[in-house]
């Protein structure tokens, strides 16, 4: 039979050993929680940092994990004195000042300057031909030569340019029209004076506008006055033979109708 003092000593040893192991396990658990990696959540727009309660969490574990005391957890989240929490609950850990982003000033990129246009002061050329319009169709044909002795003048409308030249006659294959060179840009009046004994078949005045680099050729037509007179036959002389034939035909037709009318009446 075991004596009572030894029995009590044995019970004391077992209790002491169990208590030591229990305290050691809790110390290891607390140390492990304290050493567990924890990433502090990013504050929201209002500067609040929240922790979402996980399964198995309690206020002590959250304190060891985040460093926020139990009293602060109770105060910040209006918890009971027992610090009762449940999984999925959002616990406010801290309130910080919201971070205001610093505006970044965007410097505009320099825009290279556009090339400026340089005014171009050029000249034009106006050439004039006076031709003998034999057929009077106002267009120069291959058999119609240039007519000399005409006077052509060019004047701009602002009065800063005025020149006069005399036309040259001859075969267009051998003679060139007269030309006004170095005519500045602008609007001009071009007029032609024809020689005596000729009548114009085209307009003798034109308004033209020239720009730098233009080469303009203008034709004027004229016809001898005698030829114009031959072409202008009086209308009455042209139509009198025709009217005579028509009149005779009508008279013959009337006489025939009268004859047949009288003959038919006599038979009746």
Protein backbone atom coordinates (compact mmCIF):
# COMPACT_ATOMS: atom_id res chain seq x y z
CA UNK A 1 0.00 0.00 0.00
CA UNK A 2 1.35 3.48 -0.93
CA UNK A 3 1.65 5.92 1.81
CA UNK A 4 -0.39 9.11 1.68
CA UNK A 5 2.50 11.66 1.70
CA UNK A 6 4.11 10.02 -1.32
CA UNK A 7 0.80 9.96 -3.08
CA UNK A 8 0.28 13.69 -2.53
CA UNK A 9 3.82 14.41 -3.72
CA UNK A 10 3.19 12.47 -6.90
CA UNK A 11 -0.03 14.38 -7.58
CA UNK A 12 1.81 17.67 -7.00
CA UNK A 13 4.51 16.72 -9.48
CA UNK A 14 1.97 15.84 -12.20
CA UNK A 15 0.05 19.09 -11.66
CA UNK A 16 3.25 21.16 -11.76
CA UNK A 17 4.43 19.45 -14.93
CA UNK A 18 1.06 19.92 -16.66
CA UNK A 19 0.89 23.59 -15.66
CA UNK A 20 4.40 24.16 -16.95
CA UNK A 21 3.61 22.56 -20.29
CA UNK A 22 0.38 24.58 -20.62
CA UNK A 23 2.14 27.86 -19.89
CA UNK A 24 4.93 26.94 -22.28
CA UNK A 25 2.45 26.20 -25.09
CA UNK A 26 0.64 29.49 -24.53
CA UNK A 27 3.95 31.34 -24.52
CA UNK A 28 4.91 29.74 -27.80
CA UNK A 29 1.49 30.59 -29.28
CA UNK A 30 1.71 34.19 -28.14
CA UNK A 31 5.26 34.45 -29.42
CA UNK A 32 4.20 32.95 -32.76
CA UNK A 33 1.31 35.42 -33.05
CA UNK A 34 3.59 38.30 -32.16
CA UNK A 35 6.10 37.18 -34.78
CA UNK A 36 3.46 36.46 -37.48
CA UNK A 37 3.75 38.65 -40.56
CA UNK A 38 0.97 41.23 -40.74
CA UNK A 39 0.52 43.78 -43.52
CA UNK A 40 -1.23 46.88 -42.28
CA UNK A 41 -4.19 47.64 -44.54
CA UNK A 42 -4.05 50.82 -46.60
CA UNK A 43 -6.17 53.66 -45.18
CA UNK A 44 -9.32 54.41 -47.13
CA UNK A 45 -10.24 57.83 -48.51
CA UNK A 46 -11.33 58.95 -45.02
CA UNK A 47 -8.04 57.84 -43.42
CA UNK A 48 -9.57 54.79 -41.65
CA UNK A 49 -7.69 51.49 -41.23
CA UNK A 50 -9.93 48.41 -40.85
CA UNK A 51 -9.27 44.76 -39.98
CA UNK A 52 -11.65 41.97 -40.98
CA UNK A 53 -12.19 39.46 -38.16
CA UNK A 54 -11.21 35.92 -39.20
CA UNK A 55 -12.51 32.57 -37.94
CA UNK A 56 -10.96 31.85 -34.54
CA UNK A 57 -9.95 35.48 -33.88
CA UNK A 58 -10.37 37.13 -30.50
CA UNK A 59 -9.33 40.54 -29.20
CA UNK A 60 -6.14 39.16 -27.67
CA UNK A 61 -5.07 37.56 -30.94
CA UNK A 62 -5.88 40.74 -32.87
CA UNK A 63 -3.87 42.76 -30.32
CA UNK A 64 -0.88 40.46 -30.73
CA UNK A 65 -1.27 40.54 -34.53
CA UNK A 66 -1.82 44.28 -35.08
CA UNK A 67 -0.39 45.92 -31.98
CA UNK A 68 -3.67 47.70 -31.22
CA UNK A 69 -4.55 47.30 -27.55
CA UNK A 70 -7.79 45.68 -26.44
CA UNK A 71 -8.89 48.93 -24.80
CA UNK A 72 -8.40 50.79 -28.11
CA UNK A 73 -10.31 48.11 -29.98
CA UNK A 74 -13.22 48.45 -27.56
CA UNK A 75 -13.12 52.26 -27.72
CA UNK A 76 -12.78 52.60 -31.48
CA UNK A 77 -15.48 50.04 -32.29
CA UNK A 78 -17.90 50.58 -29.34
CA UNK A 79 -17.52 46.96 -28.20
CA UNK A 80 -18.66 45.47 -24.92
CA UNK A 81 -16.23 45.19 -22.04
CA UNK A 82 -15.78 41.51 -22.92
CA UNK A 83 -14.62 42.56 -26.40
CA UNK A 84 -17.11 40.34 -28.21
CA UNK A 85 -16.43 40.03 -31.94
CA UNK A 86 -17.53 37.69 -34.76
CA UNK A 87 -16.02 36.52 -38.07
CA UNK A 88 -16.41 39.00 -40.94
CA UNK A 89 -16.74 41.97 -38.60
CA UNK A 90 -14.89 45.14 -39.68
CA UNK A 91 -12.80 46.44 -36.78
CA UNK A 92 -11.47 49.98 -36.92
CA UNK A 93 -7.79 49.84 -35.95
CA UNK A 94 -6.83 53.49 -36.35
CA UNK A 95 -7.82 56.87 -37.82
CA UNK A 96 -5.14 58.76 -39.71
CA UNK A 97 -5.15 61.95 -41.76
CA UNK A 98 -6.20 61.32 -45.36
CA UNK A 99 -3.36 61.50 -47.81
CA UNK A 100 -4.00 64.30 -50.28
CA UNK A 101 -2.30 63.58 -53.57
CA UNK A 102 0.07 66.30 -54.65
CA UNK A 103 -1.04 67.66 -58.02
CA UNK A 104 1.54 67.13 -60.69
CA UNK A 105 1.87 70.05 -63.02
CA UNK A 106 2.13 68.85 -66.58
CA UNK A 107 4.38 71.04 -68.61
CA UNK A 108 3.16 71.45 -72.19
CA UNK A 109 5.56 70.26 -74.79
CA UNK A 110 7.06 73.04 -76.86
CA UNK A 111 5.42 73.33 -80.25
CA UNK A 112 7.86 74.05 -83.03
CA UNK A 113 7.06 77.23 -84.85
CA UNK A 114 5.35 76.87 -88.20
CA UNK A 115 7.25 78.25 -91.16
CA UNK A 116 5.99 81.62 -92.28
CA UNK A 117 5.22 82.14 -95.91
CA UNK A 118 7.42 84.59 -97.73
CA UNK A 119 5.50 86.92 -100.04
CA UNK A 120 6.35 86.14 -103.65
CA UNK A 121 6.43 89.10 -105.97
CA UNK A 122 6.42 87.68 -109.50
CA UNK A 123 5.32 88.82 -112.92
CA UNK A 124 3.08 87.66 -115.72
CA UNK A 125 3.18 88.01 -119.50
CA UNK A 126 0.32 89.22 -121.70
CA UNK A 127 0.62 88.58 -125.45
CA UNK A 128 -1.77 90.08 -128.02
CA UNK A 129 -2.46 89.12 -131.65
CA UNK A 130 -4.61 91.13 -134.09
CA UNK A 131 -5.64 88.87 -136.97
CA UNK A 132 -7.46 89.52 -140.23
CA UNK A 133 -10.80 87.77 -139.72
CA UNK A 134 -11.61 87.07 -143.36
CA UNK A 135 -14.55 84.72 -142.71
CA UNK A 136 -15.91 86.83 -139.84
CA UNK A 137 -16.29 83.87 -137.46
CA UNK A 138 -14.37 85.63 -134.65
CA UNK A 139 -11.77 82.84 -134.55
CA UNK A 140 -8.38 82.83 -136.23
CA UNK A 141 -8.14 80.20 -138.98
CA UNK A 142 -4.95 78.78 -140.48
CA UNK A 143 -5.21 80.99 -143.56
CA UNK A 144 -5.74 84.24 -141.62
CA UNK A 145 -2.59 86.28 -141.01
CA UNK A 146 -1.67 88.75 -138.29
CA UNK A 147 -2.65 92.33 -138.97
CA UNK A 148 -0.17 95.11 -138.30
CA UNK A 149 -0.83 98.72 -137.43
CA UNK A 150 -3.12 98.05 -134.47
CA UNK A 151 -2.48 99.72 -131.11
CA UNK A 152 -3.00 97.71 -127.92
CA UNK A 153 -2.78 99.12 -124.41
CA UNK A 154 -2.72 97.49 -120.95
CA UNK A 155 -3.65 99.40 -117.79
CA UNK A 156 -4.17 98.10 -114.27
CA UNK A 157 -7.12 99.36 -112.28
CA UNK A 158 -5.06 101.08 -109.58
CA UNK A 159 -3.17 103.17 -112.14
CA UNK A 160 0.36 101.92 -111.42
CA UNK A 161 0.93 100.09 -114.73
CA UNK A 162 0.23 101.37 -118.25
CA UNK A 163 1.90 100.26 -121.50
CA UNK A 164 1.10 100.51 -125.21
CA UNK A 165 2.41 98.41 -128.11
CA UNK A 166 1.80 98.24 -131.88
CA UNK A 167 0.77 94.97 -133.49
CA UNK A 168 2.95 93.30 -136.13
CA UNK A 169 1.48 91.76 -139.30
CA UNK A 170 2.55 88.65 -141.15
CA UNK A 171 2.39 84.88 -141.23
CA UNK A 172 1.74 83.49 -137.70
CA UNK A 173 4.33 80.80 -138.42
CA UNK A 174 6.98 83.46 -138.86
CA UNK A 175 5.78 86.35 -136.70
CA UNK A 176 5.13 86.26 -132.97
CA UNK A 177 2.38 88.21 -131.21
CA UNK A 178 3.45 91.35 -129.35
CA UNK A 179 3.88 90.75 -125.61
CA UNK A 180 3.86 92.82 -122.45
CA UNK A 181 6.60 91.43 -120.18
CA UNK A 182 7.00 91.73 -116.41
CA UNK A 183 3.35 92.53 -115.78
CA UNK A 184 2.73 92.65 -111.99
CA UNK A 185 -0.07 90.64 -110.44
CA UNK A 186 -3.46 92.31 -110.49
CA UNK A 187 -6.53 93.19 -112.56
CA UNK A 188 -6.08 94.87 -115.96
CA UNK A 189 -8.05 96.42 -118.81
CA UNK A 190 -6.86 95.38 -122.24
CA UNK A 191 -8.03 97.44 -125.26
CA UNK A 192 -7.26 97.34 -128.98
CA UNK A 193 -7.36 100.08 -131.61
CA UNK A 194 -7.59 98.64 -135.15
CA UNK A 195 -6.12 100.24 -138.30
CA UNK A 196 -8.19 102.46 -140.59
CA UNK A 197 -10.22 100.62 -143.20
CA UNK A 198 -11.07 97.74 -140.84
CA UNK A 199 -14.06 96.90 -138.73
CA UNK A 200 -13.82 94.80 -135.52
CA UNK A 201 -15.26 91.30 -135.53
CA UNK A 202 -14.50 90.65 -131.84
CA UNK A 203 -14.71 92.70 -128.70
CA UNK A 204 -12.01 95.33 -128.52
CA UNK A 205 -11.89 95.50 -124.71
CA UNK A 206 -11.24 92.79 -122.11
CA UNK A 207 -10.87 92.69 -118.34
CA UNK A 208 -8.30 90.17 -117.18
CA UNK A 209 -6.65 89.17 -113.91
CA UNK A 210 -3.09 87.86 -113.84
CA UNK A 211 -0.96 86.14 -111.21
CA UNK A 212 2.76 85.53 -111.09
CA UNK A 213 3.91 83.09 -113.76
CA UNK A 214 0.85 83.47 -116.02
CA UNK A 215 1.30 83.65 -119.81
CA UNK A 216 -1.92 84.95 -121.38
CA UNK A 217 -2.56 85.22 -125.14
CA UNK A 218 -5.52 87.32 -126.35
CA UNK A 219 -6.73 87.39 -129.97
CA UNK A 220 -8.50 90.38 -131.54
CA UNK A 221 -10.20 90.08 -134.96
CA UNK A 222 -10.78 92.71 -137.67
CA UNK A 223 -12.11 92.61 -141.22
CA UNK A 224 -11.68 95.02 -144.15
CA UNK A 225 -14.57 97.50 -144.37
CA UNK A 226 -15.21 96.69 -148.09
CA UNK A 227 -15.62 93.01 -147.31
CA UNK A 228 -18.04 93.81 -144.52
CA UNK A 229 -20.10 95.92 -146.94
CA UNK A 230 -20.27 93.05 -149.42
CA UNK A 231 -21.47 90.70 -146.72
CA UNK A 232 -24.16 93.09 -145.51
CA UNK A 233 -26.74 92.53 -148.25
CA UNK A 234 -30.12 94.27 -147.66
CA UNK A 235 -32.80 91.90 -146.49
CA UNK A 236 -35.33 93.29 -148.94
CA UNK A 237 -33.11 92.45 -151.95
CA UNK A 238 -32.55 88.91 -150.73
CA UNK A 239 -36.22 88.12 -150.21
CA UNK A 240 -37.89 89.89 -153.20
CA UNK A 241 -37.41 87.03 -155.81
CA UNK A 242 -38.75 84.52 -153.35
CA UNK A 243 -41.76 86.65 -152.56
CA UNK A 244 -42.42 87.04 -156.32
CA UNK A 245 -42.44 83.27 -156.91
CA UNK A 246 -44.73 82.69 -153.95
CA UNK A 247 -47.10 85.41 -155.16
CA UNK A 248 -47.29 83.97 -158.66
CA UNK A 249 -47.96 80.51 -157.27
CA UNK A 250 -50.82 81.80 -155.14
CA UNK A 251 -52.35 83.67 -158.09
CA UNK A 252 -52.18 80.55 -160.29
CA UNK A 253 -53.76 78.47 -157.59
CA UNK A 254 -56.59 81.01 -157.14
CA UNK A 255 -57.28 81.13 -160.85
CA UNK A 256 -57.44 77.35 -161.04
CA UNK A 257 -59.91 77.18 -158.15
CA UNK A 258 -62.10 79.82 -159.77
CA UNK A 259 -62.11 77.91 -163.10
CA UNK A 260 -63.16 74.65 -161.48
CA UNK A 261 -65.83 76.46 -159.43
CA UNK A 262 -67.41 78.13 -162.51
CA UNK A 263 -67.29 74.91 -164.52
CA UNK A 264 -69.01 72.94 -161.79
CA UNK A 265 -71.72 75.62 -161.53
CA UNK A 266 -72.43 75.58 -165.27
CA UNK A 267 -72.90 71.78 -165.23
CA UNK A 268 -75.33 72.10 -162.40
